[in-house]
C-alpha atoms as a PDB file:
ATOM      1  CA  MET A   1      77.622 193.442 -77.870  1.00  0.00           C
ATOM      2  CA  ILE A   2      80.491 195.601 -79.001  1.00  0.00           C
ATOM      3  CA  LEU A   3      80.056 199.277 -78.290  1.00  0.00           C
ATOM      4  CA  PRO A   4      80.655 201.573 -81.226  1.00  0.00           C
ATOM      5  CA  LEU A   5      83.600 203.878 -81.453  1.00  0.00           C
ATOM      6  CA  PRO A   6      82.864 207.610 -81.370  1.00  0.00           C
ATOM      7  CA  LYS A   7      81.507 209.064 -84.593  1.00  0.00           C
ATOM      8  CA  ASN A   8      83.929 211.963 -84.192  1.00  0.00           C
ATOM      9  CA  PHE A   9      86.987 211.875 -81.969  1.00  0.00           C
ATOM     10  CA  ASP A  10      86.706 215.363 -80.557  1.00  0.00           C
ATOM     11  CA  GLU A  11      86.886 217.475 -77.411  1.00  0.00           C
ATOM     12  CA  ASN A  12      84.728 215.244 -75.209  1.00  0.00           C
ATOM     13  CA  GLU A  13      86.819 212.133 -75.806  1.00  0.00           C
ATOM     14  CA  ILE A  14      90.010 214.131 -75.283  1.00  0.00           C
ATOM     15  CA  PHE A  15      88.573 215.546 -72.035  1.00  0.00           C
ATOM     16  CA  ILE A  16      87.677 212.057 -70.787  1.00  0.00           C
ATOM     17  CA  ILE A  17      91.137 210.694 -71.595  1.00  0.00           C
ATOM     18  CA  ALA A  18      92.937 213.692 -70.064  1.00  0.00           C
ATOM     19  CA  SER A  19      90.843 213.727 -66.881  1.00  0.00           C
ATOM     20  CA  THR A  20      91.208 209.964 -66.464  1.00  0.00           C
ATOM     21  CA  VAL A  21      94.985 210.101 -66.871  1.00  0.00           C
ATOM     22  CA  LEU A  22      95.224 213.067 -64.490  1.00  0.00           C
ATOM     23  CA  THR A  23      93.058 211.520 -61.774  1.00  0.00           C
ATOM     24  CA  PHE A  24      94.811 208.155 -62.000  1.00  0.00           C
ATOM     25  CA  ALA A  25      98.178 209.876 -61.729  1.00  0.00           C
ATOM     26  CA  LEU A  26      96.933 211.667 -58.602  1.00  0.00           C
ATOM     27  CA  MET A  27      95.522 208.433 -57.189  1.00  0.00           C
ATOM     28  CA  PHE A  28      98.883 206.727 -57.421  1.00  0.00           C
ATOM     29  CA  LYS A  29     100.903 209.780 -56.370  1.00  0.00           C
ATOM     30  CA  LEU A  30      98.949 210.815 -53.260  1.00  0.00           C
ATOM     31  CA  PRO A  31      99.031 208.779 -50.050  1.00  0.00           C
ATOM     32  CA  ARG A  32      96.349 206.143 -49.691  1.00  0.00           C
ATOM     33  CA  HIS A  33      94.319 205.945 -46.468  1.00  0.00           C
ATOM     34  CA  LEU A  34      91.920 203.169 -47.462  1.00  0.00           C
ATOM     35  CA  SER A  35      92.070 199.392 -47.452  1.00  0.00           C
ATOM     36  CA  ALA A  36      91.941 197.521 -50.750  1.00  0.00           C
ATOM     37  CA  VAL A  37      88.534 196.162 -49.710  1.00  0.00           C
ATOM     38  CA  THR A  38      87.182 199.680 -49.155  1.00  0.00           C
ATOM     39  CA  ILE A  39      88.546 200.908 -52.481  1.00  0.00           C
ATOM     40  CA  THR A  40      86.926 197.985 -54.290  1.00  0.00           C
ATOM     41  CA  ILE A  41      83.568 198.535 -52.576  1.00  0.00           C
ATOM     42  CA  ILE A  42      83.595 202.304 -53.117  1.00  0.00           C
ATOM     43  CA  TRP A  43      84.645 201.910 -56.745  1.00  0.00           C
ATOM     44  CA  THR A  44      81.908 199.332 -57.437  1.00  0.00           C
ATOM     45  CA  PHE A  45      79.281 201.361 -55.567  1.00  0.00           C
ATOM     46  CA  ASN A  46      80.018 204.440 -57.679  1.00  0.00           C
ATOM     47  CA  ILE A  47      79.973 202.510 -60.938  1.00  0.00           C
ATOM     48  CA  PHE A  48      76.544 201.252 -59.893  1.00  0.00           C
ATOM     49  CA  LEU A  49      75.354 204.792 -59.065  1.00  0.00           C
ATOM     50  CA  ALA A  50      76.618 206.205 -62.379  1.00  0.00           C
ATOM     51  CA  LEU A  51      74.978 203.434 -64.383  1.00  0.00           C
ATOM     52  CA  LEU A  52      71.750 203.717 -62.376  1.00  0.00           C
ATOM     53  CA  ALA A  53      71.599 207.467 -62.986  1.00  0.00           C
ATOM     54  CA  ASP A  54      72.201 207.059 -66.693  1.00  0.00           C
ATOM     55  CA  ILE A  55      69.669 204.268 -67.192  1.00  0.00           C
ATOM     56  CA  THR A  56      66.970 206.121 -65.282  1.00  0.00           C
ATOM     57  CA  LEU A  57      67.545 209.813 -65.981  1.00  0.00           C
ATOM     58  CA  SER A  58      68.952 209.815 -69.493  1.00  0.00           C
ATOM     59  CA  VAL A  59      66.353 207.566 -71.133  1.00  0.00           C
ATOM     60  CA  LYS A  60      62.647 207.898 -71.847  1.00  0.00           C
ATOM     61  CA  PRO A  61      60.431 209.146 -70.299  1.00  0.00           C
ATOM     62  CA  TYR A  62      62.832 211.600 -68.625  1.00  0.00           C
ATOM     63  CA  GLU A  63      65.748 212.107 -71.030  1.00  0.00           C
ATOM     64  CA  LEU A  64      67.214 214.798 -68.764  1.00  0.00           C
ATOM     65  CA  TYR A  65      70.692 214.588 -70.299  1.00  0.00           C
ATOM     66  CA  PHE A  66      72.893 212.480 -72.512  1.00  0.00           C
ATOM     67  CA  THR A  67      76.593 211.770 -72.506  1.00  0.00           C
ATOM     68  CA  ILE A  68      79.294 212.150 -75.114  1.00  0.00           C
ATOM     69  CA  ASP A  69      78.051 212.670 -78.669  1.00  0.00           C
ATOM     70  CA  HIS A  70      74.613 211.108 -78.762  1.00  0.00           C
ATOM     71  CA  LYS A  71      71.820 209.423 -76.832  1.00  0.00           C
ATOM     72  CA  THR A  72      73.143 205.895 -77.371  1.00  0.00           C
ATOM     73  CA  HIS A  73      76.179 204.556 -75.583  1.00  0.00           C
ATOM     74  CA  GLU A  74      79.598 204.209 -77.130  1.00  0.00           C
ATOM     75  CA  LEU A  75      83.000 202.973 -76.028  1.00  0.00           C
ATOM     76  CA  PHE A  76      83.876 206.185 -74.167  1.00  0.00           C
ATOM     77  CA  ASP A  77      80.743 205.845 -72.033  1.00  0.00           C
ATOM     78  CA  VAL A  78      82.262 202.658 -70.630  1.00  0.00           C
ATOM     79  CA  LEU A  79      85.477 204.507 -69.783  1.00  0.00           C
ATOM     80  CA  LEU A  80      83.417 207.305 -68.218  1.00  0.00           C
ATOM     81  CA  HIS A  81      81.302 204.956 -66.060  1.00  0.00           C
ATOM     82  CA  PHE A  82      83.908 202.409 -65.006  1.00  0.00           C
ATOM     83  CA  VAL A  83      87.072 204.472 -64.748  1.00  0.00           C
ATOM     84  CA  THR A  84      86.499 208.236 -64.706  1.00  0.00           C
ATOM     85  CA  TYR A  85      83.359 208.596 -62.522  1.00  0.00           C
ATOM     86  CA  PRO A  86      84.585 206.609 -59.504  1.00  0.00           C
ATOM     87  CA  THR A  87      87.792 208.592 -59.071  1.00  0.00           C
ATOM     88  CA  LEU A  88      86.218 211.662 -57.443  1.00  0.00           C
ATOM     89  CA  PRO A  89      84.382 209.678 -54.736  1.00  0.00           C
ATOM     90  CA  TYR A  90      87.671 207.837 -54.172  1.00  0.00           C
ATOM     91  CA  PHE A  91      89.374 211.167 -53.405  1.00  0.00           C
ATOM     92  CA  VAL A  92      86.458 212.247 -51.208  1.00  0.00           C
ATOM     93  CA  VAL A  93      86.641 209.165 -49.001  1.00  0.00           C
ATOM     94  CA  ASN A  94      90.425 208.884 -49.080  1.00  0.00           C
ATOM     95  CA  PHE A  95      90.880 212.426 -47.763  1.00  0.00           C
ATOM     96  CA  TYR A  96      87.987 211.897 -45.370  1.00  0.00           C
ATOM     97  CA  GLN A  97      89.821 208.956 -43.807  1.00  0.00           C
ATOM     98  CA  TYR A  98      92.891 211.155 -43.425  1.00  0.00           C
ATOM     99  CA  LYS A  99      91.125 214.191 -41.910  1.00  0.00           C
ATOM    100  CA  LYS A 100      88.125 212.487 -40.223  1.00  0.00           C
ATOM    101  CA  PRO A 101      86.072 215.696 -39.873  1.00  0.00           C
ATOM    102  CA  LYS A 102      83.326 215.576 -37.236  1.00  0.00           C
ATOM    103  CA  GLY A 103      80.085 217.488 -36.762  1.00  0.00           C
ATOM    104  CA  LEU A 104      79.745 220.710 -38.715  1.00  0.00           C
ATOM    105  CA  LYS A 105      83.172 220.195 -40.301  1.00  0.00           C
ATOM    106  CA  ASN A 106      81.837 216.966 -41.817  1.00  0.00           C
ATOM    107  CA  LEU A 107      78.948 218.883 -43.403  1.00  0.00           C
ATOM    108  CA  PHE A 108      81.327 221.537 -44.753  1.00  0.00           C
ATOM    109  CA  TYR A 109      83.561 218.747 -46.070  1.00  0.00           C
ATOM    110  CA  ILE A 110      80.669 217.220 -48.038  1.00  0.00           C
ATOM    111  CA  VAL A 111      79.540 220.636 -49.312  1.00  0.00           C
ATOM    112  CA  PHE A 112      83.119 221.473 -50.367  1.00  0.00           C
ATOM    113  CA  TRP A 113      83.512 218.257 -52.361  1.00  0.00           C
ATOM    114  CA  SER A 114      80.062 218.702 -53.900  1.00  0.00           C
ATOM    115  CA  GLY A 115      81.270 222.115 -55.068  1.00  0.00           C
ATOM    116  CA  VAL A 116      84.382 220.518 -56.536  1.00  0.00           C
ATOM    117  CA  ALA A 117      82.191 217.943 -58.286  1.00  0.00           C
ATOM    118  CA  ILE A 118      79.881 220.491 -59.898  1.00  0.00           C
ATOM    119  CA  THR A 119      82.890 222.547 -60.981  1.00  0.00           C
ATOM    120  CA  ILE A 120      84.293 219.480 -62.730  1.00  0.00           C
ATOM    121  CA  GLU A 121      80.864 218.731 -64.165  1.00  0.00           C
ATOM    122  CA  TRP A 122      80.533 222.328 -65.405  1.00  0.00           C
ATOM    123  CA  ILE A 123      83.873 221.974 -67.192  1.00  0.00           C
ATOM    124  CA  SER A 124      82.787 218.640 -68.652  1.00  0.00           C
ATOM    125  CA  VAL A 125      79.590 220.277 -69.958  1.00  0.00           C
ATOM    126  CA  LYS A 126      81.765 222.885 -71.699  1.00  0.00           C
ATOM    127  CA  PHE A 127      83.629 219.984 -73.362  1.00  0.00           C
ATOM    128  CA  HIS A 128      80.300 218.363 -74.353  1.00  0.00           C
ATOM    129  CA  VAL A 129      80.743 215.306 -72.169  1.00  0.00           C
ATOM    130  CA  PHE A 130      77.199 216.006 -70.933  1.00  0.00           C
ATOM    131  CA  THR A 131      74.375 217.663 -72.797  1.00  0.00           C
ATOM    132  CA  TYR A 132      71.549 218.762 -70.507  1.00  0.00           C
ATOM    133  CA  THR A 133      68.003 218.511 -71.830  1.00  0.00           C
ATOM    134  CA  GLY A 134      66.282 219.062 -68.483  1.00  0.00           C
ATOM    135  CA  TRP A 135      69.048 218.558 -65.936  1.00  0.00           C
ATOM    136  CA  ASN A 136      71.120 221.332 -64.323  1.00  0.00           C
ATOM    137  CA  LEU A 137      74.077 221.860 -62.010  1.00  0.00           C
ATOM    138  CA  PHE A 138      71.897 222.614 -58.981  1.00  0.00           C
ATOM    139  CA  LEU A 139      70.316 219.154 -59.260  1.00  0.00           C
ATOM    140  CA  SER A 140      73.802 217.679 -59.598  1.00  0.00           C
ATOM    141  CA  PHE A 141      74.903 219.526 -56.456  1.00  0.00           C
ATOM    142  CA  LEU A 142      72.020 218.001 -54.480  1.00  0.00           C
ATOM    143  CA  VAL A 143      72.831 214.541 -55.824  1.00  0.00           C
ATOM    144  CA  TYR A 144      76.512 214.929 -54.953  1.00  0.00           C
ATOM    145  CA  LEU A 145      75.612 215.849 -51.364  1.00  0.00           C
ATOM    146  CA  VAL A 146      73.753 212.558 -51.003  1.00  0.00           C
ATOM    147  CA  VAL A 147      76.284 210.495 -52.968  1.00  0.00           C
ATOM    148  CA  PHE A 148      79.284 211.760 -51.001  1.00  0.00           C
ATOM    149  CA  ALA A 149      77.490 211.321 -47.670  1.00  0.00           C
ATOM    150  CA  ALA A 150      76.611 207.749 -48.695  1.00  0.00           C
ATOM    151  CA  ASN A 151      80.216 207.100 -49.755  1.00  0.00           C
ATOM    152  CA  ILE A 152      81.516 208.362 -46.412  1.00  0.00           C
ATOM    153  CA  TRP A 153      79.031 206.210 -44.508  1.00  0.00           C
ATOM    154  CA  LEU A 154      79.955 203.161 -46.616  1.00  0.00           C
ATOM    155  CA  THR A 155      83.662 203.839 -46.109  1.00  0.00           C
ATOM    156  CA  ASN A 156      83.270 204.133 -42.333  1.00  0.00           C
ATOM    157  CA  PHE A 157      81.264 200.907 -42.276  1.00  0.00           C
ATOM    158  CA  THR A 158      83.787 199.037 -44.430  1.00  0.00           C
ATOM    159  CA  GLU A 159      86.872 200.380 -42.654  1.00  0.00           C
ATOM    160  CA  LYS A 160      85.516 199.079 -39.312  1.00  0.00           C
ATOM    161  CA  LYS A 161      85.547 195.553 -40.736  1.00  0.00           C
ATOM    162  CA  HIS A 162      88.622 195.915 -42.970  1.00  0.00           C
ATOM    163  CA  PRO A 163      90.815 198.731 -41.634  1.00  0.00           C
ATOM    164  CA  SER A 164      93.523 200.239 -43.738  1.00  0.00           C
ATOM    165  CA  LYS A 165      97.055 199.375 -42.708  1.00  0.00           C
ATOM    166  CA  TRP A 166      97.967 203.048 -43.308  1.00  0.00           C
ATOM    167  CA  THR A 167      95.724 204.481 -40.563  1.00  0.00           C
END
């Protein structure tokens, strides 16, 4: 099945391209504190989470939001799910491995990154990457708390078995 091209190449596609280029540039510019195994697992895990969210929350009976221009998927949805979405959790766990916050600092770390995530999501809503039909940023914030905590746990678990050579 070939996914259709966007009906209109407009602000949401430009936003996705620009944010993907920017985050990839940062990924390759900033120091890496994760093993290749951890990066692969985290990346795959977040693709799974993004797809799971979209196939459960953006379809009937819920239809809480849709992405890009319409309720069906298009080529830029693939870019969004497989390339753009996983970059933020990558930064969360990469910096976590560098700082290794403990206790209350760990909670503040997760809350901080959840705030960063909803800020980015708010901007993406302004560019019509997401259209909410029952979803809101508060729900996203709660989801990000859980997702980032799960990513940190998964990173710690993976790095015990496959430590980064940079740590």
